[in-house]
C-alpha atoms as a PDB file:
ATOM      1  CA  UNK A   1     -64.343 123.445  62.508  1.00  0.00           C
ATOM      2  CA  UNK A   2     -68.113 123.088  62.074  1.00  0.00           C
ATOM      3  CA  UNK A   3     -70.150 126.243  61.392  1.00  0.00           C
ATOM      4  CA  UNK A   4     -72.868 127.056  63.922  1.00  0.00           C
ATOM      5  CA  UNK A   5     -76.409 127.158  62.536  1.00  0.00           C
ATOM      6  CA  UNK A   6     -79.991 127.147  63.744  1.00  0.00           C
ATOM      7  CA  UNK A   7     -81.633 123.796  64.093  1.00  0.00           C
ATOM      8  CA  UNK A   8     -85.027 123.244  62.504  1.00  0.00           C
ATOM      9  CA  UNK A   9     -86.658 123.385  65.924  1.00  0.00           C
ATOM     10  CA  UNK A  10     -84.987 126.706  66.704  1.00  0.00           C
ATOM     11  CA  UNK A  11     -86.118 128.164  63.362  1.00  0.00           C
ATOM     12  CA  UNK A  12     -89.666 127.062  64.027  1.00  0.00           C
ATOM     13  CA  UNK A  13     -89.576 128.659  67.474  1.00  0.00           C
ATOM     14  CA  UNK A  14     -88.306 131.978  66.013  1.00  0.00           C
ATOM     15  CA  UNK A  15     -90.973 131.917  63.285  1.00  0.00           C
ATOM     16  CA  UNK A  16     -93.662 131.190  65.896  1.00  0.00           C
ATOM     17  CA  UNK A  17     -92.498 134.129  68.036  1.00  0.00           C
ATOM     18  CA  UNK A  18     -92.506 136.478  65.031  1.00  0.00           C
ATOM     19  CA  UNK A  19     -96.005 135.290  64.103  1.00  0.00           C
ATOM     20  CA  UNK A  20     -97.221 135.908  67.653  1.00  0.00           C
ATOM     21  CA  UNK A  21     -95.704 139.398  67.683  1.00  0.00           C
ATOM     22  CA  UNK A  22     -97.322 140.180  64.330  1.00  0.00           C
ATOM     23  CA  UNK A  23    -100.689 138.968  65.619  1.00  0.00           C
ATOM     24  CA  UNK A  24    -100.317 141.286  68.600  1.00  0.00           C
ATOM     25  CA  UNK A  25     -99.042 144.282  66.643  1.00  0.00           C
ATOM     26  CA  UNK A  26    -101.326 144.181  63.571  1.00  0.00           C
ATOM     27  CA  UNK A  27    -104.516 145.272  65.371  1.00  0.00           C
ATOM     28  CA  UNK A  28    -102.564 148.050  67.071  1.00  0.00           C
ATOM     29  CA  UNK A  29    -101.149 149.211  63.742  1.00  0.00           C
ATOM     30  CA  UNK A  30    -104.609 149.045  62.156  1.00  0.00           C
ATOM     31  CA  UNK A  31    -106.037 151.188  64.950  1.00  0.00           C
ATOM     32  CA  UNK A  32    -103.164 153.647  64.545  1.00  0.00           C
ATOM     33  CA  UNK A  33    -103.906 153.939  60.799  1.00  0.00           C
ATOM     34  CA  UNK A  34    -107.576 154.527  61.542  1.00  0.00           C
ATOM     35  CA  UNK A  35    -106.694 157.166  64.123  1.00  0.00           C
ATOM     36  CA  UNK A  36    -104.494 158.867  61.547  1.00  0.00           C
ATOM     37  CA  UNK A  37    -107.353 158.894  59.031  1.00  0.00           C
ATOM     38  CA  UNK A  38    -109.660 160.219  61.732  1.00  0.00           C
ATOM     39  CA  UNK A  39    -107.330 163.150  62.389  1.00  0.00           C
ATOM     40  CA  UNK A  40    -107.266 163.998  58.669  1.00  0.00           C
ATOM     41  CA  UNK A  41    -111.060 163.813  58.558  1.00  0.00           C
ATOM     42  CA  UNK A  42    -111.416 166.129  61.563  1.00  0.00           C
ATOM     43  CA  UNK A  43    -108.998 168.558  59.927  1.00  0.00           C
ATOM     44  CA  UNK A  44    -111.064 168.555  56.725  1.00  0.00           C
ATOM     45  CA  UNK A  45    -114.259 169.226  58.659  1.00  0.00           C
ATOM     46  CA  UNK A  46    -112.571 171.968  60.655  1.00  0.00           C
ATOM     47  CA  UNK A  47    -111.586 173.721  57.414  1.00  0.00           C
ATOM     48  CA  UNK A  48    -115.191 173.469  56.197  1.00  0.00           C
ATOM     49  CA  UNK A  49    -116.477 175.021  59.422  1.00  0.00           C
ATOM     50  CA  UNK A  50    -113.953 177.866  59.142  1.00  0.00           C
ATOM     51  CA  UNK A  51    -114.970 178.436  55.508  1.00  0.00           C
ATOM     52  CA  UNK A  52    -118.651 178.585  56.517  1.00  0.00           C
ATOM     53  CA  UNK A  53    -117.949 181.196  59.177  1.00  0.00           C
ATOM     54  CA  UNK A  54    -115.860 183.216  56.712  1.00  0.00           C
ATOM     55  CA  UNK A  55    -118.757 183.046  54.258  1.00  0.00           C
ATOM     56  CA  UNK A  56    -121.067 184.552  56.903  1.00  0.00           C
ATOM     57  CA  UNK A  57    -118.964 187.693  57.112  1.00  0.00           C
ATOM     58  CA  UNK A  58    -119.324 188.347  53.392  1.00  0.00           C
ATOM     59  CA  UNK A  59    -122.995 187.420  53.022  1.00  0.00           C
ATOM     60  CA  UNK A  60    -124.967 189.363  55.627  1.00  0.00           C
ATOM     61  CA  UNK A  61    -124.715 186.561  58.159  1.00  0.00           C
ATOM     62  CA  UNK A  62    -126.320 183.896  55.953  1.00  0.00           C
ATOM     63  CA  UNK A  63    -124.863 180.407  55.722  1.00  0.00           C
ATOM     64  CA  UNK A  64    -123.974 179.046  52.264  1.00  0.00           C
ATOM     65  CA  UNK A  65    -126.765 177.515  50.240  1.00  0.00           C
ATOM     66  CA  UNK A  66    -126.760 173.745  50.099  1.00  0.00           C
ATOM     67  CA  UNK A  67    -127.824 173.951  46.465  1.00  0.00           C
ATOM     68  CA  UNK A  68    -128.851 176.428  43.767  1.00  0.00           C
ATOM     69  CA  UNK A  69    -129.832 174.937  40.419  1.00  0.00           C
ATOM     70  CA  UNK A  70    -130.292 177.231  37.426  1.00  0.00           C
ATOM     71  CA  UNK A  71    -130.032 177.475  33.663  1.00  0.00           C
ATOM     72  CA  UNK A  72    -127.732 180.233  32.362  1.00  0.00           C
ATOM     73  CA  UNK A  73    -127.020 180.855  28.662  1.00  0.00           C
ATOM     74  CA  UNK A  74    -128.004 177.348  27.697  1.00  0.00           C
ATOM     75  CA  UNK A  75    -125.933 175.657  30.397  1.00  0.00           C
ATOM     76  CA  UNK A  76    -127.333 173.998  33.493  1.00  0.00           C
ATOM     77  CA  UNK A  77    -125.478 174.837  36.702  1.00  0.00           C
ATOM     78  CA  UNK A  78    -125.869 172.800  39.865  1.00  0.00           C
ATOM     79  CA  UNK A  79    -124.248 175.104  42.406  1.00  0.00           C
ATOM     80  CA  UNK A  80    -123.866 173.109  45.589  1.00  0.00           C
ATOM     81  CA  UNK A  81    -122.068 173.796  48.819  1.00  0.00           C
ATOM     82  CA  UNK A  82    -119.156 171.500  47.925  1.00  0.00           C
ATOM     83  CA  UNK A  83    -118.928 171.616  44.108  1.00  0.00           C
ATOM     84  CA  UNK A  84    -120.358 173.532  41.172  1.00  0.00           C
ATOM     85  CA  UNK A  85    -121.147 171.161  38.319  1.00  0.00           C
ATOM     86  CA  UNK A  86    -121.877 172.411  34.810  1.00  0.00           C
ATOM     87  CA  UNK A  87    -123.895 170.529  32.196  1.00  0.00           C
ATOM     88  CA  UNK A  88    -124.553 171.353  28.559  1.00  0.00           C
ATOM     89  CA  UNK A  89    -127.268 169.497  26.648  1.00  0.00           C
ATOM     90  CA  UNK A  90    -127.422 167.086  29.553  1.00  0.00           C
ATOM     91  CA  UNK A  91    -123.726 166.212  29.288  1.00  0.00           C
ATOM     92  CA  UNK A  92    -121.386 166.829  32.236  1.00  0.00           C
ATOM     93  CA  UNK A  93    -118.874 169.529  31.378  1.00  0.00           C
ATOM     94  CA  UNK A  94    -116.907 170.623  34.449  1.00  0.00           C
ATOM     95  CA  UNK A  95    -116.617 170.591  38.231  1.00  0.00           C
ATOM     96  CA  UNK A  96    -115.229 173.433  40.344  1.00  0.00           C
ATOM     97  CA  UNK A  97    -115.096 174.309  44.065  1.00  0.00           C
ATOM     98  CA  UNK A  98    -118.584 175.043  45.379  1.00  0.00           C
ATOM     99  CA  UNK A  99    -120.495 177.805  47.161  1.00  0.00           C
ATOM    100  CA  UNK A 100    -118.790 177.190  50.500  1.00  0.00           C
ATOM    101  CA  UNK A 101    -115.377 177.865  49.009  1.00  0.00           C
ATOM    102  CA  UNK A 102    -116.195 180.829  46.788  1.00  0.00           C
ATOM    103  CA  UNK A 103    -114.673 178.925  43.871  1.00  0.00           C
ATOM    104  CA  UNK A 104    -111.238 178.499  45.437  1.00  0.00           C
ATOM    105  CA  UNK A 105    -109.993 175.538  47.490  1.00  0.00           C
ATOM    106  CA  UNK A 106    -108.107 172.258  47.315  1.00  0.00           C
ATOM    107  CA  UNK A 107    -110.841 169.922  46.141  1.00  0.00           C
ATOM    108  CA  UNK A 108    -109.421 166.906  47.962  1.00  0.00           C
ATOM    109  CA  UNK A 109    -110.553 168.445  51.257  1.00  0.00           C
ATOM    110  CA  UNK A 110    -113.916 166.991  50.218  1.00  0.00           C
ATOM    111  CA  UNK A 111    -112.604 163.421  50.511  1.00  0.00           C
ATOM    112  CA  UNK A 112    -112.974 161.566  53.791  1.00  0.00           C
ATOM    113  CA  UNK A 113    -109.942 159.237  53.907  1.00  0.00           C
ATOM    114  CA  UNK A 114    -112.038 156.436  55.427  1.00  0.00           C
ATOM    115  CA  UNK A 115    -114.812 156.530  52.816  1.00  0.00           C
ATOM    116  CA  UNK A 116    -114.276 154.312  49.785  1.00  0.00           C
ATOM    117  CA  UNK A 117    -117.777 154.206  48.312  1.00  0.00           C
ATOM    118  CA  UNK A 118    -119.477 155.914  45.410  1.00  0.00           C
ATOM    119  CA  UNK A 119    -119.548 159.654  44.805  1.00  0.00           C
ATOM    120  CA  UNK A 120    -122.294 161.879  46.139  1.00  0.00           C
ATOM    121  CA  UNK A 121    -123.394 162.924  42.643  1.00  0.00           C
ATOM    122  CA  UNK A 122    -122.327 162.382  39.044  1.00  0.00           C
ATOM    123  CA  UNK A 123    -119.244 164.473  38.321  1.00  0.00           C
ATOM    124  CA  UNK A 124    -118.064 164.863  41.929  1.00  0.00           C
ATOM    125  CA  UNK A 125    -114.356 163.957  42.072  1.00  0.00           C
ATOM    126  CA  UNK A 126    -114.295 163.532  45.849  1.00  0.00           C
ATOM    127  CA  UNK A 127    -116.869 162.515  48.380  1.00  0.00           C
ATOM    128  CA  UNK A 128    -117.757 161.562  51.920  1.00  0.00           C
ATOM    129  CA  UNK A 129    -119.129 164.669  53.645  1.00  0.00           C
ATOM    130  CA  UNK A 130    -122.553 166.230  54.065  1.00  0.00           C
ATOM    131  CA  UNK A 131    -124.024 169.607  55.063  1.00  0.00           C
ATOM    132  CA  UNK A 132    -126.972 170.264  57.374  1.00  0.00           C
ATOM    133  CA  UNK A 133    -129.757 171.050  54.910  1.00  0.00           C
ATOM    134  CA  UNK A 134    -132.595 170.515  57.397  1.00  0.00           C
ATOM    135  CA  UNK A 135    -131.777 173.700  59.319  1.00  0.00           C
ATOM    136  CA  UNK A 136    -128.628 175.468  58.016  1.00  0.00           C
ATOM    137  CA  UNK A 137    -128.188 175.327  54.219  1.00  0.00           C
ATOM    138  CA  UNK A 138    -131.158 176.158  52.015  1.00  0.00           C
ATOM    139  CA  UNK A 139    -131.995 174.649  48.632  1.00  0.00           C
ATOM    140  CA  UNK A 140    -133.169 176.917  45.800  1.00  0.00           C
ATOM    141  CA  UNK A 141    -134.030 176.517  42.143  1.00  0.00           C
ATOM    142  CA  UNK A 142    -134.290 179.342  39.617  1.00  0.00           C
ATOM    143  CA  UNK A 143    -136.944 178.805  36.977  1.00  0.00           C
ATOM    144  CA  UNK A 144    -136.896 180.014  33.372  1.00  0.00           C
ATOM    145  CA  UNK A 145    -138.501 183.310  34.422  1.00  0.00           C
ATOM    146  CA  UNK A 146    -135.753 184.024  36.925  1.00  0.00           C
ATOM    147  CA  UNK A 147    -137.915 183.329  39.965  1.00  0.00           C
ATOM    148  CA  UNK A 148    -136.451 181.417  42.903  1.00  0.00           C
ATOM    149  CA  UNK A 149    -138.293 178.531  44.514  1.00  0.00           C
ATOM    150  CA  UNK A 150    -137.320 176.835  47.735  1.00  0.00           C
ATOM    151  CA  UNK A 151    -135.814 178.037  51.010  1.00  0.00           C
ATOM    152  CA  UNK A 152    -132.900 180.347  51.684  1.00  0.00           C
ATOM    153  CA  UNK A 153    -130.251 179.413  54.237  1.00  0.00           C
ATOM    154  CA  UNK A 154    -130.507 180.314  57.916  1.00  0.00           C
ATOM    155  CA  UNK A 155    -128.565 183.170  59.455  1.00  0.00           C
ATOM    156  CA  UNK A 156    -125.928 182.675  62.141  1.00  0.00           C
ATOM    157  CA  UNK A 157    -127.914 184.754  64.658  1.00  0.00           C
ATOM    158  CA  UNK A 158    -130.679 182.153  64.505  1.00  0.00           C
ATOM    159  CA  UNK A 159    -128.420 179.433  65.896  1.00  0.00           C
ATOM    160  CA  UNK A 160    -128.838 179.639  69.659  1.00  0.00           C
ATOM    161  CA  UNK A 161    -126.249 177.013  70.608  1.00  0.00           C
ATOM    162  CA  UNK A 162    -123.555 177.014  67.898  1.00  0.00           C
ATOM    163  CA  UNK A 163    -121.408 174.477  69.769  1.00  0.00           C
ATOM    164  CA  UNK A 164    -124.248 171.937  69.647  1.00  0.00           C
ATOM    165  CA  UNK A 165    -125.611 172.487  66.123  1.00  0.00           C
ATOM    166  CA  UNK A 166    -124.052 170.147  63.537  1.00  0.00           C
ATOM    167  CA  UNK A 167    -123.124 171.804  60.262  1.00  0.00           C
ATOM    168  CA  UNK A 168    -120.909 169.218  58.468  1.00  0.00           C
ATOM    169  CA  UNK A 169    -120.213 165.539  58.985  1.00  0.00           C
ATOM    170  CA  UNK A 170    -119.414 162.098  57.584  1.00  0.00           C
ATOM    171  CA  UNK A 171    -122.236 161.579  55.098  1.00  0.00           C
ATOM    172  CA  UNK A 172    -123.250 158.021  54.288  1.00  0.00           C
ATOM    173  CA  UNK A 173    -126.304 155.884  53.579  1.00  0.00           C
ATOM    174  CA  UNK A 174    -126.944 152.409  52.192  1.00  0.00           C
ATOM    175  CA  UNK A 175    -125.857 153.092  48.605  1.00  0.00           C
ATOM    176  CA  UNK A 176    -122.892 155.416  49.157  1.00  0.00           C
ATOM    177  CA  UNK A 177    -122.381 158.957  50.381  1.00  0.00           C
ATOM    178  CA  UNK A 178    -124.826 161.851  50.638  1.00  0.00           C
ATOM    179  CA  UNK A 179    -124.066 165.559  50.586  1.00  0.00           C
ATOM    180  CA  UNK A 180    -127.224 166.738  52.360  1.00  0.00           C
ATOM    181  CA  UNK A 181    -127.308 166.012  56.087  1.00  0.00           C
ATOM    182  CA  UNK A 182    -130.891 165.548  57.247  1.00  0.00           C
ATOM    183  CA  UNK A 183    -132.366 165.467  60.725  1.00  0.00           C
ATOM    184  CA  UNK A 184    -134.342 162.329  61.652  1.00  0.00           C
ATOM    185  CA  UNK A 185    -137.595 164.282  61.411  1.00  0.00           C
ATOM    186  CA  UNK A 186    -138.609 167.071  59.015  1.00  0.00           C
ATOM    187  CA  UNK A 187    -136.784 170.304  59.786  1.00  0.00           C
ATOM    188  CA  UNK A 188    -137.218 174.016  59.141  1.00  0.00           C
ATOM    189  CA  UNK A 189    -135.742 173.963  55.622  1.00  0.00           C
ATOM    190  CA  UNK A 190    -137.019 170.564  54.528  1.00  0.00           C
ATOM    191  CA  UNK A 191    -139.525 171.044  51.742  1.00  0.00           C
ATOM    192  CA  UNK A 192    -139.036 167.623  50.208  1.00  0.00           C
ATOM    193  CA  UNK A 193    -140.715 164.380  51.119  1.00  0.00           C
ATOM    194  CA  UNK A 194    -140.105 162.950  54.568  1.00  0.00           C
ATOM    195  CA  UNK A 195    -138.855 159.803  52.835  1.00  0.00           C
ATOM    196  CA  UNK A 196    -135.420 161.420  52.380  1.00  0.00           C
ATOM    197  CA  UNK A 197    -134.614 161.139  56.110  1.00  0.00           C
ATOM    198  CA  UNK A 198    -132.902 157.757  55.773  1.00  0.00           C
ATOM    199  CA  UNK A 199    -130.738 159.029  52.903  1.00  0.00           C
ATOM    200  CA  UNK A 200    -129.280 161.944  54.887  1.00  0.00           C
ATOM    201  CA  UNK A 201    -127.648 159.883  57.620  1.00  0.00           C
ATOM    202  CA  UNK A 202    -124.091 159.892  58.972  1.00  0.00           C
ATOM    203  CA  UNK A 203    -121.479 157.194  58.473  1.00  0.00           C
ATOM    204  CA  UNK A 204    -120.011 155.765  61.674  1.00  0.00           C
ATOM    205  CA  UNK A 205    -116.864 154.642  59.862  1.00  0.00           C
ATOM    206  CA  UNK A 206    -114.100 155.771  62.227  1.00  0.00           C
ATOM    207  CA  UNK A 207    -113.873 152.767  64.543  1.00  0.00           C
ATOM    208  CA  UNK A 208    -117.693 152.813  64.775  1.00  0.00           C
ATOM    209  CA  UNK A 209    -117.743 156.555  65.405  1.00  0.00           C
ATOM    210  CA  UNK A 210    -118.551 159.547  63.205  1.00  0.00           C
ATOM    211  CA  UNK A 211    -116.887 162.951  62.838  1.00  0.00           C
ATOM    212  CA  UNK A 212    -118.900 166.160  63.112  1.00  0.00           C
ATOM    213  CA  UNK A 213    -118.219 169.896  62.707  1.00  0.00           C
ATOM    214  CA  UNK A 214    -120.372 172.404  64.574  1.00  0.00           C
ATOM    215  CA  UNK A 215    -121.477 175.938  63.824  1.00  0.00           C
ATOM    216  CA  UNK A 216    -118.976 177.431  66.280  1.00  0.00           C
ATOM    217  CA  UNK A 217    -116.097 175.892  64.312  1.00  0.00           C
ATOM    218  CA  UNK A 218    -115.388 173.044  66.727  1.00  0.00           C
ATOM    219  CA  UNK A 219    -115.137 169.396  65.651  1.00  0.00           C
ATOM    220  CA  UNK A 220    -115.600 166.144  67.519  1.00  0.00           C
ATOM    221  CA  UNK A 221    -115.834 162.390  67.100  1.00  0.00           C
ATOM    222  CA  UNK A 222    -119.260 161.122  68.143  1.00  0.00           C
ATOM    223  CA  UNK A 223    -119.895 157.592  69.384  1.00  0.00           C
ATOM    224  CA  UNK A 224    -123.659 157.334  69.849  1.00  0.00           C
ATOM    225  CA  UNK A 225    -125.614 156.287  66.763  1.00  0.00           C
ATOM    226  CA  UNK A 226    -129.389 156.728  66.555  1.00  0.00           C
ATOM    227  CA  UNK A 227    -131.810 155.126  64.114  1.00  0.00           C
ATOM    228  CA  UNK A 228    -135.036 156.806  65.227  1.00  0.00           C
ATOM    229  CA  UNK A 229    -137.006 158.410  62.409  1.00  0.00           C
ATOM    230  CA  UNK A 230    -140.473 158.015  60.932  1.00  0.00           C
ATOM    231  CA  UNK A 231    -141.399 154.337  61.588  1.00  0.00           C
ATOM    232  CA  UNK A 232    -141.841 153.335  57.912  1.00  0.00           C
ATOM    233  CA  UNK A 233    -138.312 154.616  57.189  1.00  0.00           C
ATOM    234  CA  UNK A 234    -136.376 152.993  60.009  1.00  0.00           C
ATOM    235  CA  UNK A 235    -135.695 149.869  57.963  1.00  0.00           C
ATOM    236  CA  UNK A 236    -133.902 151.990  55.361  1.00  0.00           C
ATOM    237  CA  UNK A 237    -131.271 153.218  57.861  1.00  0.00           C
ATOM    238  CA  UNK A 238    -128.284 151.102  56.824  1.00  0.00           C
ATOM    239  CA  UNK A 239    -125.948 149.258  59.185  1.00  0.00           C
ATOM    240  CA  UNK A 240    -123.126 151.506  60.326  1.00  0.00           C
ATOM    241  CA  UNK A 241    -125.109 154.672  59.591  1.00  0.00           C
ATOM    242  CA  UNK A 242    -127.510 156.740  61.635  1.00  0.00           C
ATOM    243  CA  UNK A 243    -128.442 160.092  63.109  1.00  0.00           C
ATOM    244  CA  UNK A 244    -126.637 162.238  65.667  1.00  0.00           C
ATOM    245  CA  UNK A 245    -129.616 162.364  68.029  1.00  0.00           C
ATOM    246  CA  UNK A 246    -132.890 160.549  68.577  1.00  0.00           C
ATOM    247  CA  UNK A 247    -134.730 163.784  67.762  1.00  0.00           C
ATOM    248  CA  UNK A 248    -133.712 166.931  65.857  1.00  0.00           C
ATOM    249  CA  UNK A 249    -131.768 168.444  68.749  1.00  0.00           C
ATOM    250  CA  UNK A 250    -128.302 167.868  67.199  1.00  0.00           C
ATOM    251  CA  UNK A 251    -129.362 169.670  64.019  1.00  0.00           C
ATOM    252  CA  UNK A 252    -131.887 172.378  64.896  1.00  0.00           C
ATOM    253  CA  UNK A 253    -131.385 176.041  65.747  1.00  0.00           C
ATOM    254  CA  UNK A 254    -132.534 175.736  69.351  1.00  0.00           C
END
């Protein structure tokens, strides 16, 4: 009795059907993976927003500083909202959870699962998010005499529409990530050159959308990307990056 088997034609038909099914399913699976990464990203941003609001309660209603740089006992400390980096004689020594976290968190919260580029700064183990330093988080530097230069952070009572004021988001510009979110035009706390606008943009890396956390603790995925800024700087806004509004309305305290 002869054994039954597939003919070559039948095998080719089966292989063709499997290939067609794979072609149909692969984009769906890819979108599902991206949606999963997007949910993780939103969760990370939500935890940052909660941490910022917890910080307010312990610091007279002030938001965390975006950065405080100072020399203490021969060591240089760059205390930033996400990490505190320590240098001695110009050599990187250690990295710990930053001002936002009060020195205690799971550092990997700082990693956007969809960002694969370079770190925000030398010594940062994780990367991908930025903090509104145009209106919310101040930047200070303590000189050798102990005097502070720069701007302190804003207070929560100054934010008139917390559900519309971005506090954290997917940071990205042409060369990697950025940890300081900047409005398209100079804001209340911006003391640096206007040229930094294009380096404080958001990355629209979640299926051409970007994730944002707001001062009220809510998070959302934003579709609309804006490239308006000072005309000489518009060419520096990289593909796939941009601002949350055509003016400063998504960032300011109004």
